[in-house]
Every structure is written in C-alpha cells, then in structure tokens.
Amino acid sequence: PHHHHHHSHLWTDRLLASRFLDRSFISSDVELKLIGRPPPRHRPAPLVRLVYRPGSSGYLGVWVDDWPGKMAFTFAAFSYIVALIVDAFLIFFAIFHIIAFDELKTDYKNPIDQCSSLNPLVLPEYILHVFFNLLFLVGGEFFSLCLNIPLIAYHVHRYMHRPVMSSPGLYDPTSIMNADTLNKCQREGWIKLAFYLLSFFYYLYGMIYSLIST
C-alpha cells in the first residue's frame, strides 16, 4: 500500500513462489515491502504469505507470520542434548567403576593402583552431573531436575562422609579391601549404571519432545 511509504523502517524480503500457500500464484520471485524493523541477524525473517485468488485483479492481502523463531531450537532442547552427551560419559564412568571393583574382588589389581585410577574420576562425574542439572534448572525442566535430585543429594552425602584423605576422591587403599565396602561400591556401580542408562533414553525422549512441541 502506497500510504506506508513514508514509514522509516521499510525493508524488503525476496520471496520464492515455493513459500506461498497458494501454488496457483506462479512467479519466479516477488519483492514485498514490509512494515517494521528488519529482523535481527540471528533470527529468521518472518514468513510472508500472499493471499492471492486466481482471476482477481490483485492480492487480497498480505499476512505476515510472527517470527518463525518460535518454532526454533529452545534452551530446553539444548539442555537435553547436553544431558545426552554428558550422560554417555557418565555411563562410561559407571562401567569403569564396576570393572575396577570386580578386578579388586578377584585380586587382579592391587588396591593402591586401583584407588589412584578411580579417585580422579569421582569429582568430574559429580560435576558433570550437576552441570546438566543446572541447565535443566535454567531451562525450566523441573521434572527432569527432580529425577536427578536424589542422586545429587546422594553424591553430596557420599563425598561429605568420605575417608580422611589428602587428595580428592572417595577411595582409600587401606579400607577399600573390606568386603562390605567392596560389595557396597559394586552395588553402587550397578545402580548408577542402570540409572544413567534409563536417563539416556529419557533425555532422548525429552530432546525430541522439546524440539517437536515448540
């Protein structure tokens, strides 16, 4: 419409015919002047749909969809993708943990070597787990966060009650060979492995759901 030309924020969007709703309107490409500020660089241009009826003298009107950025990638989807990647590492940690305690049980490795290979993995596991849960918190995925809170609480409790040690970690070579400790640690490993594996499929579902539902 001509009366909009005095407007200062005019911008032009070149549209291909394939983006029109009505395929009977055939044209290689069409220039449209739209009112409003140009979209920021990081957001896609609005979808512009020409309402055109064959046989009429012109367009019935122009309908501008709000920014299609609404359909885009959300922070929740991002948090699930990060959770999936981190969870794969946590599964690996849990398997390593199980194998390590099995080797101790069968006297395949000595306690000092085994503790020095297990201890450096304890804090990275805890930190990675808390990291993606912070993303869930920021992204408003409170149900996923609640599923993980018991494990976070367990980790905090476990670390606060660790043996007196100079280095970071949980396992002390002098007490690790105690049969009760070995059984408890092995059971912990299996439970965590099961939890991380189930979580993996849940995060996969959460990622797909959050990408589709937006």
C-alpha atoms as a PDB file:
ATOM      1  CA  PRO A   1       0.000   0.000   0.000  1.00  0.00           C
ATOM      2  CA  HIS A   2       1.306   3.403  -1.014  1.00  0.00           C
ATOM      3  CA  HIS A   3       0.411   5.246   2.165  1.00  0.00           C
ATOM      4  CA  HIS A   4       3.046   3.272   4.106  1.00  0.00           C
ATOM      5  CA  HIS A   5       5.966   4.610   2.085  1.00  0.00           C
ATOM      6  CA  HIS A   6       6.675   7.453   4.484  1.00  0.00           C
ATOM      7  CA  HIS A   7       7.443   4.864   7.182  1.00  0.00           C
ATOM      8  CA  SER A   8      11.127   4.862   8.138  1.00  0.00           C
ATOM      9  CA  HIS A   9      11.517   1.142   8.832  1.00  0.00           C
ATOM     10  CA  LEU A  10      10.912  -0.364   5.425  1.00  0.00           C
ATOM     11  CA  TRP A  11      12.686  -3.490   4.442  1.00  0.00           C
ATOM     12  CA  THR A  12      12.393  -5.842   1.511  1.00  0.00           C
ATOM     13  CA  ASP A  13      12.072  -9.565   1.541  1.00  0.00           C
ATOM     14  CA  ARG A  14      12.503 -11.512  -1.672  1.00  0.00           C
ATOM     15  CA  LEU A  15      10.183 -14.465  -1.666  1.00  0.00           C
ATOM     16  CA  LEU A  16      10.249 -17.598  -3.754  1.00  0.00           C
ATOM     17  CA  ALA A  17       6.960 -18.910  -5.059  1.00  0.00           C
ATOM     18  CA  SER A  18       7.516 -22.219  -3.301  1.00  0.00           C
ATOM     19  CA  ARG A  19       6.891 -20.485   0.045  1.00  0.00           C
ATOM     20  CA  PHE A  20       3.413 -19.322  -0.908  1.00  0.00           C
ATOM     21  CA  LEU A  21       0.368 -21.064   0.402  1.00  0.00           C
ATOM     22  CA  ASP A  22      -1.433 -20.829  -2.903  1.00  0.00           C
ATOM     23  CA  ARG A  23       0.539 -22.639  -5.591  1.00  0.00           C
ATOM     24  CA  SER A  24      -1.667 -21.218  -8.315  1.00  0.00           C
ATOM     25  CA  PHE A  25       0.250 -17.987  -7.949  1.00  0.00           C
ATOM     26  CA  ILE A  26       3.217 -18.618 -10.236  1.00  0.00           C
ATOM     27  CA  SER A  27       6.172 -16.308 -10.275  1.00  0.00           C
ATOM     28  CA  SER A  28       9.913 -16.811 -10.047  1.00  0.00           C
ATOM     29  CA  ASP A  29      10.270 -14.392  -7.200  1.00  0.00           C
ATOM     30  CA  VAL A  30       8.413 -11.457  -5.796  1.00  0.00           C
ATOM     31  CA  GLU A  31       9.523  -8.413  -3.859  1.00  0.00           C
ATOM     32  CA  LEU A  32       7.462  -7.382  -0.905  1.00  0.00           C
ATOM     33  CA  LYS A  33       7.827  -4.282   1.172  1.00  0.00           C
ATOM     34  CA  LEU A  34       7.090  -4.991   4.811  1.00  0.00           C
ATOM     35  CA  ILE A  35       6.442  -2.556   7.588  1.00  0.00           C
ATOM     36  CA  GLY A  36       8.523  -2.862  10.721  1.00  0.00           C
ATOM     37  CA  ARG A  37      12.149  -3.128  11.665  1.00  0.00           C
ATOM     38  CA  PRO A  38      14.267  -5.679   9.828  1.00  0.00           C
ATOM     39  CA  PRO A  39      14.644  -8.841  11.911  1.00  0.00           C
ATOM     40  CA  PRO A  40      17.845  -9.205  13.948  1.00  0.00           C
ATOM     41  CA  ARG A  41      20.544 -11.163  12.125  1.00  0.00           C
ATOM     42  CA  HIS A  42      20.307 -14.212  14.350  1.00  0.00           C
ATOM     43  CA  ARG A  43      16.574 -14.630  13.770  1.00  0.00           C
ATOM     44  CA  PRO A  44      14.992 -15.811  10.538  1.00  0.00           C
ATOM     45  CA  ALA A  45      12.888 -13.400   8.532  1.00  0.00           C
ATOM     46  CA  PRO A  46       9.148 -13.604   9.144  1.00  0.00           C
ATOM     47  CA  LEU A  47       7.196 -15.868   6.848  1.00  0.00           C
ATOM     48  CA  VAL A  48       5.217 -13.776   4.423  1.00  0.00           C
ATOM     49  CA  ARG A  49       2.182 -15.340   2.858  1.00  0.00           C
ATOM     50  CA  LEU A  50       0.443 -13.716  -0.070  1.00  0.00           C
ATOM     51  CA  VAL A  51      -3.265 -14.285  -0.100  1.00  0.00           C
ATOM     52  CA  TYR A  52      -3.996 -14.390  -3.814  1.00  0.00           C
ATOM     53  CA  ARG A  53      -7.033 -15.639  -5.673  1.00  0.00           C
ATOM     54  CA  PRO A  54      -6.616 -16.575  -9.351  1.00  0.00           C
ATOM     55  CA  GLY A  55      -8.782 -14.387 -11.538  1.00  0.00           C
ATOM     56  CA  SER A  56      -8.881 -11.494  -9.104  1.00  0.00           C
ATOM     57  CA  SER A  57      -7.175  -8.263 -10.056  1.00  0.00           C
ATOM     58  CA  GLY A  58      -4.513  -8.491  -7.364  1.00  0.00           C
ATOM     59  CA  TYR A  59      -3.637  -9.685  -3.918  1.00  0.00           C
ATOM     60  CA  LEU A  60      -6.383  -9.965  -1.348  1.00  0.00           C
ATOM     61  CA  GLY A  61      -3.823  -9.110   1.290  1.00  0.00           C
ATOM     62  CA  VAL A  62      -0.515  -9.907   2.826  1.00  0.00           C
ATOM     63  CA  TRP A  63      -0.374 -11.903   6.022  1.00  0.00           C
ATOM     64  CA  VAL A  64       2.861 -11.765   7.990  1.00  0.00           C
ATOM     65  CA  ASP A  65       3.530 -14.635  10.307  1.00  0.00           C
ATOM     66  CA  ASP A  66       5.161 -13.676  13.566  1.00  0.00           C
ATOM     67  CA  TRP A  67       8.874 -14.550  13.771  1.00  0.00           C
ATOM     68  CA  PRO A  68       9.247 -18.249  12.969  1.00  0.00           C
ATOM     69  CA  GLY A  69      11.923 -18.165  15.665  1.00  0.00           C
ATOM     70  CA  LYS A  70       9.142 -19.536  17.865  1.00  0.00           C
ATOM     71  CA  MET A  71       9.459 -22.888  16.135  1.00  0.00           C
ATOM     72  CA  ALA A  72      13.194 -22.924  16.611  1.00  0.00           C
ATOM     73  CA  PHE A  73      15.557 -24.593  18.944  1.00  0.00           C
ATOM     74  CA  THR A  74      14.775 -23.890  22.618  1.00  0.00           C
ATOM     75  CA  PHE A  75      17.058 -23.823  25.634  1.00  0.00           C
ATOM     76  CA  ALA A  76      15.227 -26.906  26.958  1.00  0.00           C
ATOM     77  CA  ALA A  77      16.167 -28.833  23.803  1.00  0.00           C
ATOM     78  CA  PHE A  78      19.756 -27.648  24.203  1.00  0.00           C
ATOM     79  CA  SER A  79      19.830 -28.829  27.832  1.00  0.00           C
ATOM     80  CA  TYR A  80      18.622 -32.310  26.790  1.00  0.00           C
ATOM     81  CA  ILE A  81      21.262 -32.524  24.058  1.00  0.00           C
ATOM     82  CA  VAL A  82      23.987 -31.619  26.577  1.00  0.00           C
ATOM     83  CA  ALA A  83      22.496 -34.101  29.065  1.00  0.00           C
ATOM     84  CA  LEU A  84      22.612 -36.858  26.424  1.00  0.00           C
ATOM     85  CA  ILE A  85      26.278 -36.226  25.646  1.00  0.00           C
ATOM     86  CA  VAL A  86      27.287 -35.953  29.309  1.00  0.00           C
ATOM     87  CA  ASP A  87      25.194 -38.999  30.209  1.00  0.00           C
ATOM     88  CA  ALA A  88      27.161 -41.072  27.694  1.00  0.00           C
ATOM     89  CA  PHE A  89      30.324 -40.171  29.642  1.00  0.00           C
ATOM     90  CA  LEU A  90      28.622 -40.993  32.948  1.00  0.00           C
ATOM     91  CA  ILE A  91      27.669 -44.441  31.608  1.00  0.00           C
ATOM     92  CA  PHE A  92      31.318 -44.972  30.719  1.00  0.00           C
ATOM     93  CA  PHE A  93      32.372 -43.879  34.243  1.00  0.00           C
ATOM     94  CA  ALA A  94      29.872 -46.307  35.826  1.00  0.00           C
ATOM     95  CA  ILE A  95      31.136 -49.216  33.694  1.00  0.00           C
ATOM     96  CA  PHE A  96      34.741 -48.378  34.560  1.00  0.00           C
ATOM     97  CA  HIS A  97      33.753 -48.271  38.242  1.00  0.00           C
ATOM     98  CA  ILE A  98      32.114 -51.722  38.067  1.00  0.00           C
ATOM     99  CA  ILE A  99      35.091 -53.270  36.251  1.00  0.00           C
ATOM    100  CA  ALA A 100      37.532 -51.720  38.738  1.00  0.00           C
ATOM    101  CA  PHE A 101      35.770 -53.236  41.744  1.00  0.00           C
ATOM    102  CA  ASP A 102      35.478 -56.572  40.007  1.00  0.00           C
ATOM    103  CA  GLU A 103      39.249 -56.538  39.455  1.00  0.00           C
ATOM    104  CA  LEU A 104      39.768 -55.741  43.138  1.00  0.00           C
ATOM    105  CA  LYS A 105      37.475 -58.579  44.188  1.00  0.00           C
ATOM    106  CA  THR A 106      39.323 -61.089  42.049  1.00  0.00           C
ATOM    107  CA  ASP A 107      42.737 -59.762  43.225  1.00  0.00           C
ATOM    108  CA  TYR A 108      43.577 -58.828  39.658  1.00  0.00           C
ATOM    109  CA  LYS A 109      44.902 -55.396  40.669  1.00  0.00           C
ATOM    110  CA  ASN A 110      46.311 -54.044  43.894  1.00  0.00           C
ATOM    111  CA  PRO A 111      44.273 -51.534  45.930  1.00  0.00           C
ATOM    112  CA  ILE A 112      46.772 -48.672  45.663  1.00  0.00           C
ATOM    113  CA  ASP A 113      46.815 -48.708  41.837  1.00  0.00           C
ATOM    114  CA  GLN A 114      43.073 -49.100  41.660  1.00  0.00           C
ATOM    115  CA  CYS A 115      42.355 -46.224  44.047  1.00  0.00           C
ATOM    116  CA  SER A 116      44.722 -43.948  42.153  1.00  0.00           C
ATOM    117  CA  SER A 117      42.834 -44.716  38.906  1.00  0.00           C
ATOM    118  CA  LEU A 118      39.348 -44.363  40.480  1.00  0.00           C
ATOM    119  CA  ASN A 119      39.783 -41.258  42.625  1.00  0.00           C
ATOM    120  CA  PRO A 120      40.483 -38.770  39.805  1.00  0.00           C
ATOM    121  CA  LEU A 121      37.149 -39.738  38.207  1.00  0.00           C
ATOM    122  CA  VAL A 122      34.954 -39.080  41.241  1.00  0.00           C
ATOM    123  CA  LEU A 123      34.732 -35.286  41.164  1.00  0.00           C
ATOM    124  CA  PRO A 124      34.474 -34.988  37.350  1.00  0.00           C
ATOM    125  CA  GLU A 125      31.493 -37.366  37.475  1.00  0.00           C
ATOM    126  CA  TYR A 126      29.776 -35.347  40.199  1.00  0.00           C
ATOM    127  CA  ILE A 127      30.496 -32.016  38.498  1.00  0.00           C
ATOM    128  CA  LEU A 128      29.270 -33.189  35.075  1.00  0.00           C
ATOM    129  CA  HIS A 129      26.088 -34.487  36.641  1.00  0.00           C
ATOM    130  CA  VAL A 130      25.412 -31.208  38.473  1.00  0.00           C
ATOM    131  CA  PHE A 131      26.292 -29.219  35.326  1.00  0.00           C
ATOM    132  CA  PHE A 132      23.495 -30.518  33.102  1.00  0.00           C
ATOM    133  CA  ASN A 133      21.057 -30.321  36.009  1.00  0.00           C
ATOM    134  CA  LEU A 134      21.841 -26.614  36.272  1.00  0.00           C
ATOM    135  CA  LEU A 135      20.904 -26.389  32.590  1.00  0.00           C
ATOM    136  CA  PHE A 136      17.608 -28.133  33.401  1.00  0.00           C
ATOM    137  CA  LEU A 137      17.034 -25.582  36.158  1.00  0.00           C
ATOM    138  CA  VAL A 138      17.680 -22.623  33.844  1.00  0.00           C
ATOM    139  CA  GLY A 139      15.600 -24.194  31.071  1.00  0.00           C
ATOM    140  CA  GLY A 140      12.673 -24.788  33.429  1.00  0.00           C
ATOM    141  CA  GLU A 141      12.774 -28.581  33.065  1.00  0.00           C
ATOM    142  CA  PHE A 142      11.836 -29.142  36.704  1.00  0.00           C
ATOM    143  CA  PHE A 143      10.586 -32.713  36.304  1.00  0.00           C
ATOM    144  CA  SER A 144      13.951 -33.801  34.861  1.00  0.00           C
ATOM    145  CA  LEU A 145      15.709 -31.918  37.631  1.00  0.00           C
ATOM    146  CA  CYS A 146      13.594 -33.660  40.287  1.00  0.00           C
ATOM    147  CA  LEU A 147      14.517 -37.062  38.846  1.00  0.00           C
ATOM    148  CA  ASN A 148      18.173 -36.198  39.400  1.00  0.00           C
ATOM    149  CA  ILE A 149      17.954 -34.508  42.810  1.00  0.00           C
ATOM    150  CA  PRO A 150      18.146 -37.804  44.789  1.00  0.00           C
ATOM    151  CA  LEU A 151      21.414 -38.694  43.031  1.00  0.00           C
ATOM    152  CA  ILE A 152      22.846 -35.208  43.615  1.00  0.00           C
ATOM    153  CA  ALA A 153      21.919 -35.497  47.303  1.00  0.00           C
ATOM    154  CA  TYR A 154      23.498 -38.961  47.461  1.00  0.00           C
ATOM    155  CA  HIS A 155      26.702 -37.658  45.841  1.00  0.00           C
ATOM    156  CA  VAL A 156      26.921 -34.775  48.314  1.00  0.00           C
ATOM    157  CA  HIS A 157      26.300 -37.128  51.262  1.00  0.00           C
ATOM    158  CA  ARG A 158      28.822 -39.654  49.938  1.00  0.00           C
ATOM    159  CA  TYR A 159      31.514 -37.030  49.478  1.00  0.00           C
ATOM    160  CA  MET A 160      30.942 -35.452  52.886  1.00  0.00           C
ATOM    161  CA  HIS A 161      31.394 -38.848  54.554  1.00  0.00           C
ATOM    162  CA  ARG A 162      34.488 -39.893  52.630  1.00  0.00           C
ATOM    163  CA  PRO A 163      37.563 -41.336  54.402  1.00  0.00           C
ATOM    164  CA  VAL A 164      40.163 -38.855  55.659  1.00  0.00           C
ATOM    165  CA  MET A 165      42.365 -38.316  52.595  1.00  0.00           C
ATOM    166  CA  SER A 166      44.777 -35.685  51.373  1.00  0.00           C
ATOM    167  CA  SER A 167      43.769 -35.963  47.699  1.00  0.00           C
ATOM    168  CA  PRO A 168      40.280 -35.563  46.191  1.00  0.00           C
ATOM    169  CA  GLY A 169      38.322 -38.791  45.785  1.00  0.00           C
ATOM    170  CA  LEU A 170      36.398 -41.392  47.760  1.00  0.00           C
ATOM    171  CA  TYR A 171      38.549 -44.477  47.886  1.00  0.00           C
ATOM    172  CA  ASP A 172      41.235 -45.133  50.458  1.00  0.00           C
ATOM    173  CA  PRO A 173      43.544 -48.101  49.694  1.00  0.00           C
ATOM    174  CA  THR A 174      43.734 -49.121  53.360  1.00  0.00           C
ATOM    175  CA  SER A 175      39.972 -49.574  53.791  1.00  0.00           C
ATOM    176  CA  ILE A 176      38.793 -50.441  50.275  1.00  0.00           C
ATOM    177  CA  MET A 177      39.544 -54.178  50.595  1.00  0.00           C
ATOM    178  CA  ASN A 178      36.973 -54.537  53.367  1.00  0.00           C
ATOM    179  CA  ALA A 179      34.365 -56.983  51.996  1.00  0.00           C
ATOM    180  CA  ASP A 180      31.411 -54.760  52.990  1.00  0.00           C
ATOM    181  CA  THR A 181      32.992 -51.758  51.268  1.00  0.00           C
ATOM    182  CA  LEU A 182      33.656 -53.761  48.099  1.00  0.00           C
ATOM    183  CA  ASN A 183      30.079 -55.065  47.954  1.00  0.00           C
ATOM    184  CA  LYS A 184      28.628 -51.636  48.637  1.00  0.00           C
ATOM    185  CA  CYS A 185      30.780 -49.995  45.956  1.00  0.00           C
ATOM    186  CA  GLN A 186      29.943 -52.636  43.413  1.00  0.00           C
ATOM    187  CA  ARG A 187      26.235 -52.362  44.108  1.00  0.00           C
ATOM    188  CA  GLU A 188      26.518 -48.582  43.830  1.00  0.00           C
ATOM    189  CA  GLY A 189      28.162 -49.000  40.424  1.00  0.00           C
ATOM    190  CA  TRP A 190      25.387 -51.226  39.085  1.00  0.00           C
ATOM    191  CA  ILE A 191      22.609 -48.975  40.397  1.00  0.00           C
ATOM    192  CA  LYS A 192      24.239 -45.901  38.867  1.00  0.00           C
ATOM    193  CA  LEU A 193      24.739 -47.682  35.554  1.00  0.00           C
ATOM    194  CA  ALA A 194      21.048 -48.600  35.475  1.00  0.00           C
ATOM    195  CA  PHE A 195      20.063 -45.028  36.407  1.00  0.00           C
ATOM    196  CA  TYR A 196      22.293 -43.452  33.741  1.00  0.00           C
ATOM    197  CA  LEU A 197      21.087 -45.883  31.060  1.00  0.00           C
ATOM    198  CA  LEU A 198      17.417 -45.199  31.802  1.00  0.00           C
ATOM    199  CA  SER A 199      18.194 -41.470  31.941  1.00  0.00           C
ATOM    200  CA  PHE A 200      19.775 -41.683  28.495  1.00  0.00           C
ATOM    201  CA  PHE A 201      16.511 -42.805  26.885  1.00  0.00           C
ATOM    202  CA  TYR A 202      14.525 -40.309  28.915  1.00  0.00           C
ATOM    203  CA  TYR A 203      16.790 -37.440  27.752  1.00  0.00           C
ATOM    204  CA  LEU A 204      16.469 -38.652  24.176  1.00  0.00           C
ATOM    205  CA  TYR A 205      12.686 -38.526  24.545  1.00  0.00           C
ATOM    206  CA  GLY A 206      12.919 -35.108  26.252  1.00  0.00           C
ATOM    207  CA  MET A 207      15.054 -33.734  23.440  1.00  0.00           C
ATOM    208  CA  ILE A 208      12.724 -34.934  20.687  1.00  0.00           C
ATOM    209  CA  TYR A 209       9.634 -33.783  22.607  1.00  0.00           C
ATOM    210  CA  SER A 210      11.036 -30.310  23.246  1.00  0.00           C
ATOM    211  CA  LEU A 211      12.068 -29.915  19.600  1.00  0.00           C
ATOM    212  CA  ILE A 212       8.675 -31.041  18.279  1.00  0.00           C
ATOM    213  CA  SER A 213       6.407 -29.267  20.741  1.00  0.00           C
ATOM    214  CA  THR A 214       7.769 -25.753  20.187  1.00  0.00           C
END
